[in-house]
Amino acid sequence: MAMTMTEKLLARAVGRDSVKPGDVISPEPELVILHDGYVETAHKILSELGYKRIANHDRTMIITDHNTIQTTPRSIEQSRNNRRIAGEWKVGHFYDVGRGGHGHIYPMEAGLVKPGMFIFAYDMHCTNFGAVGALALRCGPDVPMVLATGTMWTVVPETLYIELVGSFGPGVHARDLGFKLSADLTSGKLGLEFDDRTVEFGGDAVEAMPIAERIALCNTLTEIGVNSVIFPPKSYDGAAPDASWVRSDPDARYENRLTLRLDELVPQVALPGGPDRAADVTEAAGRDIDHAFLGSCGSGMYEDFVLAARVLKGHRVADRVRLLVVPGTIETARRMADSGLTQQFMDAGAILLPPGCGPCAGGVGGPMGPGEVSISTAATNGSGRMGSKESECYLASPITVTASAIAGRIVDPREAMALATH
């Protein structure tokens, strides 16, 4: 039976030859991931049910990425409790602050998530793992069930296949595509079902797309309610993996298909309120900003900071703007230091924060005040996402965010890049 990538990985996870959309299954994950913000809650639920241990402790990961700057008695207590619980549960993969980095990036970097794997995770942005050809599903508050039993019931989803052709123009990035596609899907412009579907990307442009851009695209679409996002297998370091079986069969059945031309795209911003509130950057150009942020699980890769540094070269951050730079992992921070990127950002007036979520975790580090305006590469931009509910959060690519931080207002990065060449 011909199957999509998602169907193949779910069939493997239940030990069957095949599955089809609508089947109710109980797949066994090769890894279960919790971030530091939910460990105490999961432990409390299981303890009240009488569970003193978890089903597959050696295949469980706890990673500290939200609470990396512990500035309150409560945050210190939570961190201490997480360490105690990890020991009590004998968690096989525990990465405290300073040990790993972002839970949606580090597992790929460390080789804990590889092409062809199936993963359950508490947080919705686990869709990032689709960038290497792994399938990750969010189990949210049901993660205690997975920890206790080793699985949970799951419905095999339909798949929307999107072929990408062409290449991005100057100043355009995969995040721009993510914003535009999210808007066109949620508005009904494309007339396609997406809710609780897997989005599979394919085409010549996808084969050439770097992992960092794949991650950005996976990350943006999860916010509109897709089940997951997946790409053809590719190793984190860009090498071709031995996982040809993961690819969808040529005659696999998709619920719908769509073709998008990358060269028709222009830089986007997501207006305050949601990543799917996309608009051409020219519609927001001129808006003064107080705050800018480079990082998050969608744009915290080394390659993202290389792009930003190219725009920043020879410039300083505008006097009225604070630019926060948050590497996705400890290794990314090390590479930035070794290559001189860290020094370049500091010389330009940027503020370096510890690897992890940064301000995107509810403004834990570098929050915004009432009336302030931000442009960032955060995962989402709902009211109060990075501090005060009276602030405004715009989202954009690393290129647009950096150009805007230099100007002190939202700008079209193509104009900034043109000026830099003269």
Protein backbone atom coordinates (compact mmCIF):
# COMPACT_ATOMS: atom_id res chain seq x y z
CA MET A 1 0.00 0.00 0.00
CA ALA A 2 1.41 3.38 -1.05
CA MET A 3 1.90 5.78 1.86
CA THR A 4 2.96 9.34 2.65
CA MET A 5 5.93 10.04 4.92
CA THR A 6 3.64 10.61 7.89
CA GLU A 7 1.80 7.34 7.30
CA LYS A 8 5.08 5.43 6.96
CA LEU A 9 6.46 6.76 10.22
CA LEU A 10 3.25 6.09 12.12
CA ALA A 11 2.99 2.59 10.66
CA ARG A 12 6.52 1.88 11.84
CA ALA A 13 5.68 3.25 15.30
CA VAL A 14 2.83 0.75 15.70
CA GLY A 15 4.58 -2.19 14.02
CA ARG A 16 2.23 -2.41 11.05
CA ASP A 17 2.83 -2.69 7.33
CA SER A 18 0.55 0.26 6.68
CA VAL A 19 -1.89 2.78 8.13
CA LYS A 20 -4.29 5.21 6.49
CA PRO A 21 -5.90 8.55 7.42
CA GLY A 22 -8.59 8.11 10.04
CA ASP A 23 -7.06 5.03 11.65
CA VAL A 24 -6.92 5.23 15.46
CA ILE A 25 -3.55 3.95 16.64
CA SER A 26 -1.28 3.97 19.70
CA PRO A 27 2.21 4.71 18.32
CA GLU A 28 5.29 4.18 20.50
CA PRO A 29 7.63 7.18 20.38
CA GLU A 30 11.38 6.86 20.19
CA LEU A 31 11.64 9.98 22.33
CA VAL A 32 9.29 11.91 24.66
CA ILE A 33 10.21 15.54 25.34
CA LEU A 34 9.10 17.96 28.07
CA HIS A 35 10.35 21.48 28.58
CA ASP A 36 11.09 22.84 32.04
CA GLY A 37 7.76 24.63 32.40
CA TYR A 38 5.59 21.49 32.61
CA VAL A 39 7.71 19.00 34.56
CA GLU A 40 6.27 19.81 37.97
CA THR A 41 2.68 19.56 36.69
CA ALA A 42 3.28 16.21 34.99
CA HIS A 43 4.96 14.87 38.13
CA LYS A 44 2.07 16.03 40.33
CA ILE A 45 -0.53 14.37 38.08
CA LEU A 46 1.34 11.07 37.98
CA SER A 47 2.09 11.11 41.71
CA GLU A 48 -1.59 11.63 42.52
CA LEU A 49 -2.38 8.61 40.34
CA GLY A 50 0.17 6.51 42.22
CA TYR A 51 2.93 6.45 39.59
CA LYS A 52 6.43 6.60 41.05
CA ARG A 53 8.24 5.93 37.80
CA ILE A 54 7.70 6.45 34.07
CA ALA A 55 7.37 3.86 31.31
CA ASN A 56 10.45 4.58 29.22
CA HIS A 57 12.80 6.70 31.29
CA ASP A 58 15.69 6.05 28.90
CA ARG A 59 13.69 7.55 26.02
CA THR A 60 12.54 10.64 27.91
CA MET A 61 14.04 14.11 27.66
CA ILE A 62 13.65 17.09 29.97
CA ILE A 63 15.32 20.28 28.80
CA THR A 64 15.54 23.72 30.41
CA ASP A 65 14.95 26.37 27.76
CA HIS A 66 12.18 28.64 29.12
CA ASN A 67 13.53 29.47 32.56
CA THR A 68 17.18 30.05 31.70
CA ILE A 69 17.43 33.28 33.71
CA GLN A 70 16.27 32.47 37.23
CA THR A 71 15.49 35.82 38.84
CA THR A 72 12.67 35.00 41.29
CA PRO A 73 12.32 32.63 44.26
CA ARG A 74 9.67 30.72 42.33
CA SER A 75 11.89 30.22 39.26
CA ILE A 76 14.70 28.96 41.48
CA GLU A 77 12.31 26.55 43.21
CA GLN A 78 11.00 25.25 39.88
CA SER A 79 14.50 24.61 38.60
CA ARG A 80 15.44 22.75 41.78
CA ASN A 81 12.27 20.64 41.59
CA ASN A 82 12.95 19.76 37.96
CA ARG A 83 16.38 18.43 38.86
CA ARG A 84 14.89 16.38 41.67
CA ILE A 85 12.14 14.95 39.43
CA ALA A 86 14.59 14.10 36.65
CA GLY A 87 16.56 12.08 39.17
CA GLU A 88 13.49 10.43 40.68
CA TRP A 89 12.23 9.39 37.25
CA LYS A 90 15.76 8.40 36.12
CA VAL A 91 15.30 10.48 32.99
CA GLY A 92 17.75 9.35 30.35
CA HIS A 93 18.23 12.76 28.73
CA PHE A 94 18.19 15.67 31.18
CA TYR A 95 19.66 18.97 29.98
CA ASP A 96 19.56 21.72 32.56
CA VAL A 97 20.33 25.36 31.83
CA GLY A 98 23.77 25.71 30.25
CA ARG A 99 23.80 22.07 29.12
CA GLY A 100 21.89 21.93 25.85
CA GLY A 101 19.77 24.83 24.65
CA HIS A 102 16.39 25.02 22.99
CA GLY A 103 14.29 21.87 23.20
CA HIS A 104 13.09 22.25 19.60
CA ILE A 105 16.61 22.63 18.17
CA TYR A 106 19.12 20.91 20.43
CA PRO A 107 17.75 17.35 20.02
CA MET A 108 18.50 17.52 16.28
CA GLU A 109 21.94 19.04 16.84
CA ALA A 110 22.80 16.32 19.39
CA GLY A 111 21.60 13.51 17.13
CA LEU A 112 18.80 12.56 19.52
CA VAL A 113 16.26 13.31 16.78
CA LYS A 114 17.11 11.84 13.39
CA PRO A 115 15.36 11.28 10.05
CA GLY A 116 12.69 8.60 10.26
CA MET A 117 12.01 8.93 14.00
CA PHE A 118 8.64 9.36 15.69
CA ILE A 119 8.45 11.66 18.73
CA PHE A 120 5.81 12.81 21.20
CA ALA A 121 6.40 16.18 22.88
CA TYR A 122 4.56 18.44 25.25
CA ASP A 123 5.07 21.63 23.23
CA MET A 124 3.52 22.34 19.81
CA HIS A 125 6.75 23.61 18.27
CA CYS A 126 8.13 20.08 18.21
CA THR A 127 7.06 20.29 14.55
CA ASN A 128 10.59 21.66 14.05
CA PHE A 129 11.80 18.07 13.90
CA GLY A 130 10.07 17.68 10.55
CA ALA A 131 12.97 19.67 9.12
CA VAL A 132 15.17 16.54 9.20
CA GLY A 133 12.40 14.15 8.17
CA ALA A 134 11.22 13.09 11.64
CA LEU A 135 7.57 13.14 12.70
CA ALA A 136 6.78 14.87 15.99
CA LEU A 137 3.30 15.23 17.45
CA ARG A 138 2.29 17.47 20.32
CA CYS A 139 0.58 15.69 23.17
CA GLY A 140 0.29 18.79 25.38
CA PRO A 141 -1.37 18.15 28.76
CA ASP A 142 -1.77 14.47 27.78
CA VAL A 143 1.98 13.94 28.12
CA PRO A 144 1.52 12.33 31.58
CA MET A 145 -0.37 9.53 29.77
CA VAL A 146 2.59 8.98 27.46
CA LEU A 147 5.02 9.04 30.37
CA ALA A 148 2.92 6.53 32.32
CA THR A 149 1.98 4.10 29.54
CA GLY A 150 4.50 4.72 26.78
CA THR A 151 1.90 5.88 24.26
CA MET A 152 -1.48 7.54 23.69
CA TRP A 153 -4.18 7.11 21.10
CA THR A 154 -3.68 9.08 17.90
CA VAL A 155 -5.66 9.53 14.70
CA VAL A 156 -3.62 9.16 11.50
CA PRO A 157 -3.95 12.57 9.80
CA GLU A 158 -4.59 13.56 6.22
CA THR A 159 -1.64 15.18 4.42
CA LEU A 160 -1.47 18.42 2.43
CA TYR A 161 1.43 18.26 -0.03
CA ILE A 162 3.09 21.57 -0.99
CA GLU A 163 5.61 21.67 -3.81
CA LEU A 164 8.09 24.55 -3.67
CA VAL A 165 9.72 25.70 -6.91
CA GLY A 166 12.16 28.49 -7.74
CA SER A 167 14.25 30.37 -5.19
CA PHE A 168 13.87 33.28 -2.79
CA GLY A 169 14.67 36.75 -4.06
CA PRO A 170 16.93 39.25 -2.26
CA GLY A 171 15.81 39.98 1.29
CA VAL A 172 13.30 37.11 1.30
CA HIS A 173 13.48 34.22 3.76
CA ALA A 174 11.63 31.01 4.62
CA ARG A 175 9.90 32.81 7.49
CA ASP A 176 8.33 35.14 4.94
CA LEU A 177 6.93 32.09 3.18
CA GLY A 178 5.65 30.74 6.49
CA PHE A 179 3.78 33.95 7.29
CA LYS A 180 2.29 34.28 3.81
CA LEU A 181 1.25 30.64 3.60
CA SER A 182 -0.29 30.77 7.08
CA ALA A 183 -2.34 33.82 6.11
CA ASP A 184 -3.50 32.31 2.82
CA LEU A 185 -4.57 29.10 4.54
CA THR A 186 -6.41 30.62 7.51
CA SER A 187 -8.16 33.25 5.38
CA GLY A 188 -9.56 30.58 3.08
CA LYS A 189 -7.83 32.14 0.08
CA LEU A 190 -6.39 28.78 -0.96
CA GLY A 191 -9.58 26.84 -0.24
CA LEU A 192 -7.62 24.01 1.41
CA GLU A 193 -8.12 22.17 4.68
CA PHE A 194 -5.15 22.46 7.03
CA ASP A 195 -6.45 22.05 10.58
CA ASP A 196 -5.03 18.88 12.17
CA ARG A 197 -3.38 17.94 8.86
CA THR A 198 0.26 17.20 8.25
CA VAL A 199 1.87 19.59 5.79
CA GLU A 200 4.52 17.87 3.69
CA PHE A 201 6.91 19.98 1.63
CA GLY A 202 8.58 18.70 -1.52
CA GLY A 203 10.04 19.85 -4.81
CA ASP A 204 13.43 20.91 -6.13
CA ALA A 205 13.53 24.01 -3.91
CA VAL A 206 13.03 21.84 -0.83
CA GLU A 207 15.92 19.54 -1.67
CA ALA A 208 18.24 22.57 -1.74
CA MET A 209 16.74 24.31 1.30
CA PRO A 210 19.13 24.55 4.30
CA ILE A 211 18.06 23.00 7.60
CA ALA A 212 17.76 26.44 9.22
CA GLU A 213 15.19 27.54 6.63
CA ARG A 214 13.33 24.25 6.90
CA ILE A 215 13.10 24.78 10.65
CA ALA A 216 11.77 28.31 10.19
CA LEU A 217 9.03 27.02 7.91
CA CYS A 218 8.08 24.13 10.22
CA ASN A 219 7.95 26.51 13.16
CA THR A 220 5.68 29.15 11.63
CA LEU A 221 2.98 26.82 10.33
CA THR A 222 2.45 25.05 13.65
CA GLU A 223 0.78 28.19 15.00
CA ILE A 224 -2.25 27.84 12.72
CA GLY A 225 -3.21 24.40 14.00
CA VAL A 226 -1.59 21.95 11.60
CA ASN A 227 -0.93 18.48 13.01
CA SER A 228 2.70 18.53 12.01
CA VAL A 229 5.09 19.61 9.25
CA ILE A 230 7.56 17.34 7.51
CA PHE A 231 10.27 17.50 4.85
CA PRO A 232 12.15 14.78 2.95
CA PRO A 233 14.94 13.36 5.16
CA LYS A 234 18.07 15.42 5.63
CA SER A 235 20.64 15.24 8.41
CA TYR A 236 21.05 18.21 10.75
CA ASP A 237 24.50 18.87 9.33
CA GLY A 238 23.10 18.86 5.79
CA ALA A 239 24.43 15.44 4.82
CA ALA A 240 22.26 12.98 2.92
CA PRO A 241 21.05 10.38 5.45
CA ASP A 242 20.54 6.71 4.83
CA ALA A 243 16.76 7.02 5.15
CA SER A 244 15.35 6.78 1.64
CA TRP A 245 12.52 4.61 2.99
CA VAL A 246 11.15 7.67 4.82
CA ARG A 247 10.19 9.44 1.61
CA SER A 248 6.60 9.31 0.45
CA ASP A 249 5.80 6.74 -2.21
CA PRO A 250 5.40 8.22 -5.72
CA ASP A 251 1.77 7.09 -5.81
CA ALA A 252 0.91 8.11 -2.24
CA ARG A 253 -2.52 9.65 -1.77
CA TYR A 254 -2.71 13.23 -0.55
CA GLU A 255 -5.86 15.03 0.49
CA ASN A 256 -4.73 18.08 -1.49
CA ARG A 257 -1.74 19.38 -3.44
CA LEU A 258 -0.42 22.90 -3.90
CA THR A 259 2.47 24.44 -5.85
CA LEU A 260 4.13 27.68 -4.73
CA ARG A 261 6.72 29.76 -6.57
CA LEU A 262 9.31 31.21 -4.20
CA ASP A 263 10.43 33.92 -6.62
CA GLU A 264 6.98 35.57 -6.41
CA LEU A 265 7.29 36.19 -2.68
CA VAL A 266 8.21 39.54 -1.10
CA PRO A 267 9.34 40.20 2.50
CA GLN A 268 6.51 39.88 5.01
CA VAL A 269 5.70 40.94 8.54
CA ALA A 270 3.15 39.31 10.81
CA LEU A 271 1.05 42.08 12.33
CA PRO A 272 0.37 41.96 16.09
CA GLY A 273 -2.11 39.24 16.99
CA GLY A 274 -0.83 36.14 15.22
CA PRO A 275 1.74 34.76 12.73
CA ASP A 276 -1.04 34.37 10.15
CA ARG A 277 -1.70 38.13 10.12
CA ALA A 278 0.82 38.49 7.32
CA ALA A 279 1.26 41.62 5.25
CA ASP A 280 3.85 42.85 2.77
CA VAL A 281 6.54 44.63 4.78
CA THR A 282 5.72 47.90 3.00
CA GLU A 283 2.37 47.99 4.85
CA ALA A 284 4.13 48.25 8.20
CA ALA A 285 7.21 50.19 7.08
CA GLY A 286 7.89 53.32 9.10
CA ARG A 287 6.52 52.01 12.42
CA ASP A 288 8.96 53.06 15.16
CA ILE A 289 10.28 50.23 17.33
CA ASP A 290 11.73 50.02 20.83
CA HIS A 291 12.65 46.36 20.95
CA ALA A 292 14.02 43.73 18.55
CA PHE A 293 14.81 40.07 19.11
CA LEU A 294 16.77 37.51 17.11
CA GLY A 295 16.35 33.89 18.16
CA SER A 296 13.57 31.51 19.30
CA CYS A 297 12.90 27.95 18.15
CA GLY A 298 12.14 29.23 14.64
CA SER A 299 15.23 31.35 14.03
CA GLY A 300 17.85 30.40 16.60
CA MET A 301 20.23 28.53 14.31
CA TYR A 302 23.81 29.61 13.64
CA GLU A 303 22.87 30.30 10.01
CA ASP A 304 20.16 32.74 11.14
CA PHE A 305 22.72 34.82 12.99
CA VAL A 306 25.07 34.74 10.00
CA LEU A 307 22.29 36.28 7.89
CA ALA A 308 21.63 38.92 10.52
CA ALA A 309 25.33 39.73 10.87
CA ARG A 310 25.63 40.35 7.13
CA VAL A 311 22.91 42.99 7.38
CA LEU A 312 24.45 44.45 10.54
CA LYS A 313 27.97 44.76 9.12
CA GLY A 314 29.21 48.33 9.36
CA HIS A 315 26.14 49.49 11.34
CA ARG A 316 24.99 49.96 14.90
CA VAL A 317 21.64 49.29 16.49
CA ALA A 318 19.57 52.49 16.62
CA ASP A 319 19.95 54.39 19.89
CA ARG A 320 16.30 53.96 20.88
CA VAL A 321 16.28 50.20 20.20
CA ARG A 322 17.45 47.30 22.34
CA LEU A 323 18.32 44.29 20.18
CA LEU A 324 18.33 40.98 22.04
CA VAL A 325 20.29 38.08 20.53
CA VAL A 326 19.51 34.58 21.82
CA PRO A 327 21.41 31.59 20.36
CA GLY A 328 19.35 28.43 20.04
CA THR A 329 21.92 26.11 21.62
CA ILE A 330 25.14 26.14 23.61
CA GLU A 331 26.99 24.92 20.52
CA THR A 332 25.52 27.75 18.42
CA ALA A 333 26.68 30.25 21.04
CA ARG A 334 30.16 28.69 20.91
CA ARG A 335 30.27 28.87 17.12
CA MET A 336 29.16 32.50 17.21
CA ALA A 337 31.97 33.32 19.64
CA ASP A 338 34.59 31.39 17.68
CA SER A 339 33.61 32.99 14.35
CA GLY A 340 33.48 36.55 15.66
CA LEU A 341 29.71 36.94 15.33
CA THR A 342 29.26 37.48 19.07
CA GLN A 343 31.78 40.31 19.05
CA GLN A 344 30.12 41.84 16.00
CA PHE A 345 26.71 41.87 17.68
CA MET A 346 28.16 43.32 20.90
CA ASP A 347 30.09 46.01 19.02
CA ALA A 348 26.84 46.99 17.30
CA GLY A 349 25.07 47.44 20.65
CA ALA A 350 23.14 44.17 20.84
CA ILE A 351 22.45 42.32 24.11
CA LEU A 352 23.43 38.63 24.33
CA LEU A 353 21.18 36.33 26.39
CA PRO A 354 21.65 32.64 27.36
CA PRO A 355 20.71 29.97 24.80
CA GLY A 356 17.04 29.01 24.95
CA CYS A 357 13.68 30.66 24.32
CA GLY A 358 14.65 34.18 25.34
CA PRO A 359 11.86 36.81 25.38
CA CYS A 360 9.55 34.44 23.47
CA ALA A 361 8.97 32.54 26.74
CA GLY A 362 6.49 35.10 28.02
CA GLY A 363 9.10 37.83 28.35
CA VAL A 364 11.20 35.88 30.86
CA GLY A 365 14.29 37.66 29.56
CA GLY A 366 14.24 41.08 27.93
CA PRO A 367 10.49 41.80 28.28
CA MET A 368 8.55 44.70 26.78
CA GLY A 369 6.79 47.47 28.65
CA PRO A 370 3.39 49.13 28.04
CA GLY A 371 3.22 51.00 24.74
CA GLU A 372 6.43 49.52 23.38
CA VAL A 373 6.75 48.08 19.88
CA SER A 374 8.88 45.08 18.93
CA ILE A 375 9.88 43.30 15.76
CA SER A 376 11.31 39.84 16.22
CA THR A 377 11.74 36.29 15.04
CA ALA A 378 9.68 34.96 17.97
CA ALA A 379 7.47 31.94 17.41
CA THR A 380 4.25 33.89 17.86
CA ASN A 381 3.00 37.37 18.72
CA GLY A 382 -0.22 37.20 20.69
CA SER A 383 -1.05 39.88 23.23
CA GLY A 384 1.44 39.84 26.10
CA ARG A 385 3.66 37.25 24.48
CA MET A 386 6.85 39.11 25.41
CA GLY A 387 5.74 41.19 28.37
CA SER A 388 3.05 43.82 28.68
CA LYS A 389 -0.33 43.18 27.06
CA GLU A 390 -0.22 46.83 26.03
CA SER A 391 2.80 46.28 23.80
CA GLU A 392 2.82 45.45 20.08
CA CYS A 393 4.73 42.51 18.61
CA TYR A 394 5.52 42.27 14.91
CA LEU A 395 7.19 39.15 13.49
CA ALA A 396 9.60 39.00 10.58
CA SER A 397 12.64 37.20 9.21
CA PRO A 398 16.13 37.64 10.71
CA ILE A 399 16.95 39.85 7.73
CA THR A 400 14.01 42.23 8.24
CA VAL A 401 14.41 42.30 12.04
CA THR A 402 18.08 43.29 11.79
CA ALA A 403 17.50 45.96 9.14
CA SER A 404 14.71 47.41 11.30
CA ALA A 405 16.85 47.39 14.46
CA ILE A 406 19.45 49.46 12.62
CA ALA A 407 16.88 51.94 11.31
CA GLY A 408 14.88 52.20 14.54
CA ARG A 409 11.70 51.48 12.61
CA ILE A 410 10.27 48.69 10.48
CA VAL A 411 11.89 48.82 7.05
CA ASP A 412 11.87 46.87 3.80
CA PRO A 413 15.13 44.89 3.99
CA ARG A 414 15.56 45.09 0.23
CA GLU A 415 16.02 48.86 0.51
CA ALA A 416 18.55 48.49 3.32
CA MET A 417 20.47 45.87 1.35
CA ALA A 418 20.50 48.10 -1.76
CA LEU A 419 21.92 51.02 0.26
CA ALA A 420 24.62 48.75 1.70
CA THR A 421 25.91 47.96 -1.80
CA HIS A 422 26.44 51.62 -2.71
